[in-house]
Amino acid sequence: ALSLTGSDELVLGGGVGQNARFREMLTEMCAQRGAEFHAPE
């Protein structure tokens, strides 16, 4: 989705986002492609 839209920003929503491994994957993916990632508290 980031590639299609050209966005370099990703936010996470939803209760499953509390999983630490999930957030770790998204953080690493965004870092690898030079994008920013944010998960709310």
PDB file of all heavy atoms in Angstrom:
ATOM      1  N   ALA A   1       0.825  -1.206   0.000  1.00  0.00           N
ATOM      2  CA  ALA A   1       0.000   0.000   0.000  1.00  0.00           C
ATOM      3  C   ALA A   1       0.860   1.257   0.000  1.00  0.00           C
ATOM      4  O   ALA A   1       0.544   2.243  -0.678  1.00  0.00           O
ATOM      5  CB  ALA A   1      -0.927  -0.010   1.212  1.00  0.00           C
ATOM      6  N   LEU A   2       1.950   1.242   0.754  1.00  0.00           N
ATOM      7  CA  LEU A   2       2.865   2.384   0.732  1.00  0.00           C
ATOM      8  C   LEU A   2       3.440   2.579  -0.672  1.00  0.00           C
ATOM      9  O   LEU A   2       3.559   3.712  -1.160  1.00  0.00           O
ATOM     10  CB  LEU A   2       3.999   2.171   1.736  1.00  0.00           C
ATOM     11  CG  LEU A   2       3.631   2.215   3.220  1.00  0.00           C
ATOM     12  CD1 LEU A   2       4.813   1.779   4.074  1.00  0.00           C
ATOM     13  CD2 LEU A   2       3.159   3.603   3.632  1.00  0.00           C
ATOM     14  N   SER A   3       3.800   1.487  -1.320  1.00  0.00           N
ATOM     15  CA  SER A   3       4.372   1.570  -2.663  1.00  0.00           C
ATOM     16  C   SER A   3       3.355   2.104  -3.663  1.00  0.00           C
ATOM     17  O   SER A   3       3.672   2.946  -4.500  1.00  0.00           O
ATOM     18  CB  SER A   3       4.868   0.190  -3.093  1.00  0.00           C
ATOM     19  OG  SER A   3       5.391   0.219  -4.405  1.00  0.00           O
ATOM     20  N   LEU A   4       2.125   1.614  -3.588  1.00  0.00           N
ATOM     21  CA  LEU A   4       1.094   2.047  -4.535  1.00  0.00           C
ATOM     22  C   LEU A   4       0.775   3.516  -4.390  1.00  0.00           C
ATOM     23  O   LEU A   4       0.669   4.252  -5.374  1.00  0.00           O
ATOM     24  CB  LEU A   4      -0.183   1.218  -4.339  1.00  0.00           C
ATOM     25  CG  LEU A   4      -1.366   1.626  -5.225  1.00  0.00           C
ATOM     26  CD1 LEU A   4      -1.108   1.245  -6.680  1.00  0.00           C
ATOM     27  CD2 LEU A   4      -2.664   1.001  -4.724  1.00  0.00           C
ATOM     28  N   THR A   5       0.608   3.982  -3.156  1.00  0.00           N
ATOM     29  CA  THR A   5       0.186   5.365  -2.918  1.00  0.00           C
ATOM     30  C   THR A   5       1.344   6.353  -2.938  1.00  0.00           C
ATOM     31  O   THR A   5       1.127   7.559  -3.091  1.00  0.00           O
ATOM     32  CB  THR A   5      -0.514   5.485  -1.551  1.00  0.00           C
ATOM     33  OG1 THR A   5       0.411   5.124  -0.511  1.00  0.00           O
ATOM     34  CG2 THR A   5      -1.740   4.569  -1.484  1.00  0.00           C
ATOM     35  N   GLY A   6       2.569   5.857  -2.757  1.00  0.00           N
ATOM     36  CA  GLY A   6       3.711   6.757  -2.667  1.00  0.00           C
ATOM     37  C   GLY A   6       3.866   7.385  -1.298  1.00  0.00           C
ATOM     38  O   GLY A   6       4.729   8.243  -1.098  1.00  0.00           O
ATOM     39  N   SER A   7       3.056   6.958  -0.341  1.00  0.00           N
ATOM     40  CA  SER A   7       3.152   7.502   1.018  1.00  0.00           C
ATOM     41  C   SER A   7       4.396   6.968   1.717  1.00  0.00           C
ATOM     42  O   SER A   7       4.857   5.856   1.445  1.00  0.00           O
ATOM     43  CB  SER A   7       1.907   7.127   1.826  1.00  0.00           C
ATOM     44  OG  SER A   7       2.038   7.546   3.176  1.00  0.00           O
ATOM     45  N   ASP A   8       4.933   7.758   2.641  1.00  0.00           N
ATOM     46  CA  ASP A   8       6.046   7.282   3.465  1.00  0.00           C
ATOM     47  C   ASP A   8       5.669   7.333   4.942  1.00  0.00           C
ATOM     48  O   ASP A   8       6.523   7.469   5.816  1.00  0.00           O
ATOM     49  CB  ASP A   8       7.314   8.098   3.201  1.00  0.00           C
ATOM     50  CG  ASP A   8       7.138   9.579   3.485  1.00  0.00           C
ATOM     51  OD1 ASP A   8       6.024   9.998   3.892  1.00  0.00           O
ATOM     52  OD2 ASP A   8       8.104  10.339   3.311  1.00  0.00           O
ATOM     53  N   GLU A   9       4.359   7.213   5.212  1.00  0.00           N
ATOM     54  CA  GLU A   9       3.855   7.234   6.576  1.00  0.00           C
ATOM     55  C   GLU A   9       2.848   6.098   6.761  1.00  0.00           C
ATOM     56  O   GLU A   9       1.940   5.921   5.954  1.00  0.00           O
ATOM     57  CB  GLU A   9       3.163   8.561   6.886  1.00  0.00           C
ATOM     58  CG  GLU A   9       4.071   9.784   6.746  1.00  0.00           C
ATOM     59  CD  GLU A   9       3.298  11.087   6.816  1.00  0.00           C
ATOM     60  OE1 GLU A   9       2.081  11.089   6.495  1.00  0.00           O
ATOM     61  OE2 GLU A   9       3.904  12.118   7.169  1.00  0.00           O
ATOM     62  N   LEU A  10       3.005   5.354   7.846  1.00  0.00           N
ATOM     63  CA  LEU A  10       2.100   4.252   8.161  1.00  0.00           C
ATOM     64  C   LEU A  10       1.680   4.357   9.618  1.00  0.00           C
ATOM     65  O   LEU A  10       2.517   4.520  10.497  1.00  0.00           O
ATOM     66  CB  LEU A  10       2.791   2.907   7.921  1.00  0.00           C
ATOM     67  CG  LEU A  10       1.993   1.650   8.296  1.00  0.00           C
ATOM     68  CD1 LEU A  10       0.802   1.459   7.359  1.00  0.00           C
ATOM     69  CD2 LEU A  10       2.891   0.409   8.278  1.00  0.00           C
ATOM     70  N   VAL A  11       0.374   4.262   9.863  1.00  0.00           N
ATOM     71  CA  VAL A  11      -0.123   4.208  11.236  1.00  0.00           C
ATOM     72  C   VAL A  11      -0.866   2.896  11.434  1.00  0.00           C
ATOM     73  O   VAL A  11      -1.441   2.332  10.507  1.00  0.00           O
ATOM     74  CB  VAL A  11      -1.048   5.396  11.592  1.00  0.00           C
ATOM     75  CG1 VAL A  11      -0.298   6.703  11.493  1.00  0.00           C
ATOM     76  CG2 VAL A  11      -2.294   5.412  10.723  1.00  0.00           C
ATOM     77  N   LEU A  12      -0.841   2.419  12.659  1.00  0.00           N
ATOM     78  CA  LEU A  12      -1.478   1.160  13.030  1.00  0.00           C
ATOM     79  C   LEU A  12      -2.660   1.444  13.934  1.00  0.00           C
ATOM     80  O   LEU A  12      -2.590   2.282  14.830  1.00  0.00           O
ATOM     81  CB  LEU A  12      -0.462   0.268  13.766  1.00  0.00           C
ATOM     82  CG  LEU A  12      -0.963  -1.068  14.324  1.00  0.00           C
ATOM     83  CD1 LEU A  12      -1.443  -1.976  13.198  1.00  0.00           C
ATOM     84  CD2 LEU A  12       0.140  -1.737  15.133  1.00  0.00           C
ATOM     85  N   GLY A  13      -3.766   0.750  13.700  1.00  0.00           N
ATOM     86  CA  GLY A  13      -4.935   0.857  14.557  1.00  0.00           C
ATOM     87  C   GLY A  13      -5.480  -0.517  14.879  1.00  0.00           C
ATOM     88  O   GLY A  13      -5.214  -1.486  14.178  1.00  0.00           O
ATOM     89  N   GLY A  14      -6.261  -0.610  15.949  1.00  0.00           N
ATOM     90  CA  GLY A  14      -6.902  -1.866  16.299  1.00  0.00           C
ATOM     91  C   GLY A  14      -6.199  -2.596  17.424  1.00  0.00           C
ATOM     92  O   GLY A  14      -4.985  -2.487  17.607  1.00  0.00           O
ATOM     93  N   GLY A  15      -6.982  -3.387  18.163  1.00  0.00           N
ATOM     94  CA  GLY A  15      -6.463  -4.048  19.353  1.00  0.00           C
ATOM     95  C   GLY A  15      -5.366  -5.046  19.100  1.00  0.00           C
ATOM     96  O   GLY A  15      -4.500  -5.258  19.962  1.00  0.00           O
ATOM     97  N   VAL A  16      -5.352  -5.687  17.914  1.00  0.00           N
ATOM     98  CA  VAL A  16      -4.290  -6.646  17.606  1.00  0.00           C
ATOM     99  C   VAL A  16      -2.939  -5.939  17.546  1.00  0.00           C
ATOM    100  O   VAL A  16      -1.894  -6.559  17.732  1.00  0.00           O
ATOM    101  CB  VAL A  16      -4.601  -7.390  16.297  1.00  0.00           C
ATOM    102  CG1 VAL A  16      -3.494  -8.366  15.929  1.00  0.00           C
ATOM    103  CG2 VAL A  16      -5.925  -8.148  16.423  1.00  0.00           C
ATOM    104  N   GLY A  17      -2.960  -4.631  17.317  1.00  0.00           N
ATOM    105  CA  GLY A  17      -1.730  -3.853  17.272  1.00  0.00           C
ATOM    106  C   GLY A  17      -0.995  -3.786  18.592  1.00  0.00           C
ATOM    107  O   GLY A  17       0.137  -3.280  18.647  1.00  0.00           O
ATOM    108  N   GLN A  18      -1.585  -4.299  19.662  1.00  0.00           N
ATOM    109  CA  GLN A  18      -0.885  -4.334  20.940  1.00  0.00           C
ATOM    110  C   GLN A  18       0.185  -5.425  20.982  1.00  0.00           C
ATOM    111  O   GLN A  18       1.012  -5.437  21.876  1.00  0.00           O
ATOM    112  CB  GLN A  18      -1.890  -4.571  22.076  1.00  0.00           C
ATOM    113  CG  GLN A  18      -2.882  -3.432  22.234  1.00  0.00           C
ATOM    114  CD  GLN A  18      -3.955  -3.740  23.257  1.00  0.00           C
ATOM    115  OE1 GLN A  18      -3.818  -3.424  24.438  1.00  0.00           O
ATOM    116  NE2 GLN A  18      -5.032  -4.366  22.801  1.00  0.00           N
ATOM    117  N   ASN A  19       0.172  -6.334  19.987  1.00  0.00           N
ATOM    118  CA  ASN A  19       1.160  -7.401  19.943  1.00  0.00           C
ATOM    119  C   ASN A  19       2.546  -6.829  19.620  1.00  0.00           C
ATOM    120  O   ASN A  19       2.726  -6.149  18.601  1.00  0.00           O
ATOM    121  CB  ASN A  19       0.752  -8.428  18.882  1.00  0.00           C
ATOM    122  CG  ASN A  19       1.688  -9.611  18.817  1.00  0.00           C
ATOM    123  OD1 ASN A  19       2.803  -9.509  18.307  1.00  0.00           O
ATOM    124  ND2 ASN A  19       1.235 -10.754  19.308  1.00  0.00           N
ATOM    125  N   ALA A  20       3.521  -7.106  20.459  1.00  0.00           N
ATOM    126  CA  ALA A  20       4.858  -6.522  20.309  1.00  0.00           C
ATOM    127  C   ALA A  20       5.556  -7.009  19.040  1.00  0.00           C
ATOM    128  O   ALA A  20       6.247  -6.234  18.363  1.00  0.00           O
ATOM    129  CB  ALA A  20       5.711  -6.850  21.534  1.00  0.00           C
ATOM    130  N   ARG A  21       5.406  -8.285  18.696  1.00  0.00           N
ATOM    131  CA  ARG A  21       6.057  -8.815  17.492  1.00  0.00           C
ATOM    132  C   ARG A  21       5.481  -8.156  16.240  1.00  0.00           C
ATOM    133  O   ARG A  21       6.216  -7.859  15.286  1.00  0.00           O
ATOM    134  CB  ARG A  21       5.879 -10.343  17.428  1.00  0.00           C
ATOM    135  CG  ARG A  21       6.412 -10.984  16.149  1.00  0.00           C
ATOM    136  CD  ARG A  21       7.899 -10.760  15.967  1.00  0.00           C
ATOM    137  NE  ARG A  21       8.393 -11.403  14.760  1.00  0.00           N
ATOM    138  CZ  ARG A  21       9.274 -10.874  13.929  1.00  0.00           C
ATOM    139  NH1 ARG A  21       9.799  -9.679  14.181  1.00  0.00           N
ATOM    140  NH2 ARG A  21       9.674 -11.532  12.854  1.00  0.00           N
ATOM    141  N   PHE A  22       4.187  -7.921  16.225  1.00  0.00           N
ATOM    142  CA  PHE A  22       3.529  -7.255  15.101  1.00  0.00           C
ATOM    143  C   PHE A  22       4.106  -5.854  14.910  1.00  0.00           C
ATOM    144  O   PHE A  22       4.485  -5.459  13.797  1.00  0.00           O
ATOM    145  CB  PHE A  22       2.031  -7.205  15.382  1.00  0.00           C
ATOM    146  CG  PHE A  22       1.174  -6.721  14.246  1.00  0.00           C
ATOM    147  CD1 PHE A  22       1.625  -6.717  12.931  1.00  0.00           C
ATOM    148  CD2 PHE A  22      -0.116  -6.278  14.492  1.00  0.00           C
ATOM    149  CE1 PHE A  22       0.812  -6.278  11.890  1.00  0.00           C
ATOM    150  CE2 PHE A  22      -0.933  -5.851  13.467  1.00  0.00           C
ATOM    151  CZ  PHE A  22      -0.467  -5.843  12.172  1.00  0.00           C
ATOM    152  N   ARG A  23       4.182  -5.077  15.977  1.00  0.00           N
ATOM    153  CA  ARG A  23       4.721  -3.717  15.874  1.00  0.00           C
ATOM    154  C   ARG A  23       6.191  -3.740  15.454  1.00  0.00           C
ATOM    155  O   ARG A  23       6.657  -2.865  14.718  1.00  0.00           O
ATOM    156  CB  ARG A  23       4.545  -2.973  17.199  1.00  0.00           C
ATOM    157  CG  ARG A  23       3.096  -2.728  17.573  1.00  0.00           C
ATOM    158  CD  ARG A  23       2.972  -1.669  18.665  1.00  0.00           C
ATOM    159  NE  ARG A  23       3.811  -1.949  19.817  1.00  0.00           N
ATOM    160  CZ  ARG A  23       3.466  -2.732  20.832  1.00  0.00           C
ATOM    161  NH1 ARG A  23       2.281  -3.325  20.823  1.00  0.00           N
ATOM    162  NH2 ARG A  23       4.280  -2.916  21.852  1.00  0.00           N
ATOM    163  N   GLU A  24       6.923  -4.742  15.939  1.00  0.00           N
ATOM    164  CA  GLU A  24       8.331  -4.874  15.557  1.00  0.00           C
ATOM    165  C   GLU A  24       8.470  -5.087  14.049  1.00  0.00           C
ATOM    166  O   GLU A  24       9.333  -4.482  13.397  1.00  0.00           O
ATOM    167  CB  GLU A  24       8.956  -6.044  16.310  1.00  0.00           C
ATOM    168  CG  GLU A  24      10.418  -6.304  15.973  1.00  0.00           C
ATOM    169  CD  GLU A  24      10.956  -7.543  16.660  1.00  0.00           C
ATOM    170  OE1 GLU A  24      10.276  -8.596  16.636  1.00  0.00           O
ATOM    171  OE2 GLU A  24      12.063  -7.468  17.213  1.00  0.00           O
ATOM    172  N   MET A  25       7.624  -5.939  13.478  1.00  0.00           N
ATOM    173  CA  MET A  25       7.669  -6.185  12.035  1.00  0.00           C
ATOM    174  C   MET A  25       7.388  -4.909  11.247  1.00  0.00           C
ATOM    175  O   MET A  25       8.103  -4.586  10.289  1.00  0.00           O
ATOM    176  CB  MET A  25       6.634  -7.242  11.650  1.00  0.00           C
ATOM    177  CG  MET A  25       6.997  -8.669  11.994  1.00  0.00           C
ATOM    178  SD  MET A  25       5.751  -9.771  11.274  1.00  0.00           S
ATOM    179  CE  MET A  25       6.402 -11.367  11.783  1.00  0.00           C
ATOM    180  N   LEU A  26       6.350  -4.181  11.634  1.00  0.00           N
ATOM    181  CA  LEU A  26       5.987  -2.963  10.908  1.00  0.00           C
ATOM    182  C   LEU A  26       7.079  -1.900  11.043  1.00  0.00           C
ATOM    183  O   LEU A  26       7.388  -1.190  10.079  1.00  0.00           O
ATOM    184  CB  LEU A  26       4.653  -2.433  11.428  1.00  0.00           C
ATOM    185  CG  LEU A  26       3.431  -3.305  11.114  1.00  0.00           C
ATOM    186  CD1 LEU A  26       2.222  -2.848  11.927  1.00  0.00           C
ATOM    187  CD2 LEU A  26       3.103  -3.265   9.624  1.00  0.00           C
ATOM    188  N   THR A  27       7.657  -1.796  12.224  1.00  0.00           N
ATOM    189  CA  THR A  27       8.750  -0.842  12.442  1.00  0.00           C
ATOM    190  C   THR A  27       9.933  -1.171  11.531  1.00  0.00           C
ATOM    191  O   THR A  27      10.522  -0.279  10.896  1.00  0.00           O
ATOM    192  CB  THR A  27       9.193  -0.868  13.910  1.00  0.00           C
ATOM    193  OG1 THR A  27       8.091  -0.497  14.747  1.00  0.00           O
ATOM    194  CG2 THR A  27      10.356   0.087  14.151  1.00  0.00           C
ATOM    195  N   GLU A  28      10.280  -2.451  11.461  1.00  0.00           N
ATOM    196  CA  GLU A  28      11.429  -2.870  10.663  1.00  0.00           C
ATOM    197  C   GLU A  28      11.171  -2.677   9.170  1.00  0.00           C
ATOM    198  O   GLU A  28      12.044  -2.240   8.420  1.00  0.00           O
ATOM    199  CB  GLU A  28      11.747  -4.332  10.965  1.00  0.00           C
ATOM    200  CG  GLU A  28      13.134  -4.764  10.517  1.00  0.00           C
ATOM    201  CD  GLU A  28      13.608  -6.013  11.231  1.00  0.00           C
ATOM    202  OE1 GLU A  28      13.005  -6.381  12.260  1.00  0.00           O
ATOM    203  OE2 GLU A  28      14.585  -6.605  10.753  1.00  0.00           O
ATOM    204  N   MET A  29       9.961  -3.004   8.726  1.00  0.00           N
ATOM    205  CA  MET A  29       9.622  -2.815   7.311  1.00  0.00           C
ATOM    206  C   MET A  29       9.739  -1.347   6.925  1.00  0.00           C
ATOM    207  O   MET A  29      10.323  -1.001   5.886  1.00  0.00           O
ATOM    208  CB  MET A  29       8.208  -3.326   7.044  1.00  0.00           C
ATOM    209  CG  MET A  29       7.721  -3.126   5.610  1.00  0.00           C
ATOM    210  SD  MET A  29       6.945  -1.507   5.303  1.00  0.00           S
ATOM    211  CE  MET A  29       5.387  -1.707   6.177  1.00  0.00           C
ATOM    212  N   CYS A  30       9.173  -0.470   7.740  1.00  0.00           N
ATOM    213  CA  CYS A  30       9.220   0.960   7.414  1.00  0.00           C
ATOM    214  C   CYS A  30      10.655   1.484   7.428  1.00  0.00           C
ATOM    215  O   CYS A  30      11.045   2.288   6.566  1.00  0.00           O
ATOM    216  CB  CYS A  30       8.350   1.746   8.392  1.00  0.00           C
ATOM    217  SG  CYS A  30       6.575   1.558   8.096  1.00  0.00           S
ATOM    218  N   ALA A  31      11.452   1.037   8.377  1.00  0.00           N
ATOM    219  CA  ALA A  31      12.848   1.465   8.433  1.00  0.00           C
ATOM    220  C   ALA A  31      13.596   1.019   7.187  1.00  0.00           C
ATOM    221  O   ALA A  31      14.418   1.768   6.631  1.00  0.00           O
ATOM    222  CB  ALA A  31      13.515   0.914   9.684  1.00  0.00           C
ATOM    223  N   GLN A  32      13.313  -0.184   6.703  1.00  0.00           N
ATOM    224  CA  GLN A  32      14.017  -0.718   5.540  1.00  0.00           C
ATOM    225  C   GLN A  32      13.695   0.072   4.284  1.00  0.00           C
ATOM    226  O   GLN A  32      14.546   0.218   3.398  1.00  0.00           O
ATOM    227  CB  GLN A  32      13.655  -2.197   5.341  1.00  0.00           C
ATOM    228  CG  GLN A  32      14.513  -2.904   4.286  1.00  0.00           C
ATOM    229  CD  GLN A  32      14.260  -4.408   4.243  1.00  0.00           C
ATOM    230  OE1 GLN A  32      13.332  -4.919   4.852  1.00  0.00           O
ATOM    231  NE2 GLN A  32      15.097  -5.125   3.504  1.00  0.00           N
ATOM    232  N   ARG A  33      12.463   0.614   4.178  1.00  0.00           N
ATOM    233  CA  ARG A  33      12.108   1.361   2.980  1.00  0.00           C
ATOM    234  C   ARG A  33      12.136   2.882   3.199  1.00  0.00           C
ATOM    235  O   ARG A  33      11.690   3.654   2.341  1.00  0.00           O
ATOM    236  CB  ARG A  33      10.760   0.908   2.429  1.00  0.00           C
ATOM    237  CG  ARG A  33       9.558   1.250   3.240  1.00  0.00           C
ATOM    238  CD  ARG A  33       8.276   0.809   2.505  1.00  0.00           C
ATOM    239  NE  ARG A  33       8.031   1.597   1.318  1.00  0.00           N
ATOM    240  CZ  ARG A  33       8.094   1.123   0.070  1.00  0.00           C
ATOM    241  NH1 ARG A  33       8.402  -0.132  -0.160  1.00  0.00           N
ATOM    242  NH2 ARG A  33       7.847   1.908  -0.972  1.00  0.00           N
ATOM    243  N   GLY A  34      12.605   3.325   4.362  1.00  0.00           N
ATOM    244  CA  GLY A  34      12.732   4.759   4.608  1.00  0.00           C
ATOM    245  C   GLY A  34      11.425   5.446   4.908  1.00  0.00           C
ATOM    246  O   GLY A  34      11.269   6.652   4.654  1.00  0.00           O
ATOM    247  N   ALA A  35      10.467   4.732   5.466  1.00  0.00           N
ATOM    248  CA  ALA A  35       9.176   5.306   5.829  1.00  0.00           C
ATOM    249  C   ALA A  35       9.097   5.469   7.342  1.00  0.00           C
ATOM    250  O   ALA A  35       9.907   4.924   8.096  1.00  0.00           O
ATOM    251  CB  ALA A  35       8.041   4.414   5.335  1.00  0.00           C
ATOM    252  N   GLU A  36       8.117   6.232   7.801  1.00  0.00           N
ATOM    253  CA  GLU A  36       7.890   6.431   9.223  1.00  0.00           C
ATOM    254  C   GLU A  36       6.709   5.574   9.665  1.00  0.00           C
ATOM    255  O   GLU A  36       5.719   5.440   8.943  1.00  0.00           O
ATOM    256  CB  GLU A  36       7.601   7.900   9.522  1.00  0.00           C
ATOM    257  CG  GLU A  36       8.761   8.837   9.261  1.00  0.00           C
ATOM    258  CD  GLU A  36       8.424  10.265   9.665  1.00  0.00           C
ATOM    259  OE1 GLU A  36       8.572  10.600  10.859  1.00  0.00           O
ATOM    260  OE2 GLU A  36       7.972  11.033   8.797  1.00  0.00           O
ATOM    261  N   PHE A  37       6.814   5.037  10.877  1.00  0.00           N
ATOM    262  CA  PHE A  37       5.755   4.200  11.431  1.00  0.00           C
ATOM    263  C   PHE A  37       5.338   4.727  12.791  1.00  0.00           C
ATOM    264  O   PHE A  37       6.166   5.154  13.587  1.00  0.00           O
ATOM    265  CB  PHE A  37       6.228   2.754  11.573  1.00  0.00           C
ATOM    266  CG  PHE A  37       5.278   1.879  12.353  1.00  0.00           C
ATOM    267  CD1 PHE A  37       4.028   1.566  11.843  1.00  0.00           C
ATOM    268  CD2 PHE A  37       5.637   1.398  13.614  1.00  0.00           C
ATOM    269  CE1 PHE A  37       3.138   0.779  12.574  1.00  0.00           C
ATOM    270  CE2 PHE A  37       4.755   0.605  14.341  1.00  0.00           C
ATOM    271  CZ  PHE A  37       3.503   0.297  13.818  1.00  0.00           C
ATOM    272  N   HIS A  38       4.023   4.680  13.044  1.00  0.00           N
ATOM    273  CA  HIS A  38       3.518   5.113  14.351  1.00  0.00           C
ATOM    274  C   HIS A  38       2.410   4.177  14.808  1.00  0.00           C
ATOM    275  O   HIS A  38       1.471   3.887  14.061  1.00  0.00           O
ATOM    276  CB  HIS A  38       2.958   6.528  14.275  1.00  0.00           C
ATOM    277  CG  HIS A  38       2.303   6.985  15.552  1.00  0.00           C
ATOM    278  ND1 HIS A  38       3.020   7.335  16.667  1.00  0.00           N
ATOM    279  CD2 HIS A  38       0.986   7.104  15.891  1.00  0.00           C
ATOM    280  CE1 HIS A  38       2.184   7.686  17.636  1.00  0.00           C
ATOM    281  NE2 HIS A  38       0.944   7.547  17.188  1.00  0.00           N
ATOM    282  N   ALA A  39       2.540   3.714  16.046  1.00  0.00           N
ATOM    283  CA  ALA A  39       1.474   2.979  16.720  1.00  0.00           C
ATOM    284  C   ALA A  39       1.067   3.797  17.940  1.00  0.00           C
ATOM    285  O   ALA A  39       1.921   4.119  18.780  1.00  0.00           O
ATOM    286  CB  ALA A  39       1.941   1.595  17.145  1.00  0.00           C
ATOM    287  N   PRO A  40      -0.189   4.161  18.071  1.00  0.00           N
ATOM    288  CA  PRO A  40      -0.622   4.899  19.258  1.00  0.00           C
ATOM    289  C   PRO A  40      -0.396   4.079  20.525  1.00  0.00           C
ATOM    290  O   PRO A  40      -0.189   2.862  20.476  1.00  0.00           O
ATOM    291  CB  PRO A  40      -2.127   5.111  19.011  1.00  0.00           C
ATOM    292  CG  PRO A  40      -2.324   4.916  17.549  1.00  0.00           C
ATOM    293  CD  PRO A  40      -1.292   3.912  17.131  1.00  0.00           C
ATOM    294  N   GLU A  41      -0.466   4.742  21.666  1.00  0.00           N
ATOM    295  CA  GLU A  41      -0.332   4.020  22.926  1.00  0.00           C
ATOM    296  C   GLU A  41      -1.457   2.996  23.043  1.00  0.00           C
ATOM    297  O   GLU A  41      -2.515   3.128  22.421  1.00  0.00           O
ATOM    298  CB  GLU A  41      -0.341   5.006  24.088  1.00  0.00           C
ATOM    299  CG  GLU A  41      -1.586   5.879  24.178  1.00  0.00           C
ATOM    300  CD  GLU A  41      -1.468   6.915  25.286  1.00  0.00           C
ATOM    301  OE1 GLU A  41      -1.581   6.506  26.463  1.00  0.00           O
ATOM    302  OE2 GLU A  41      -1.276   8.101  24.980  1.00  0.00           O
TER     303      GLU A  41
END
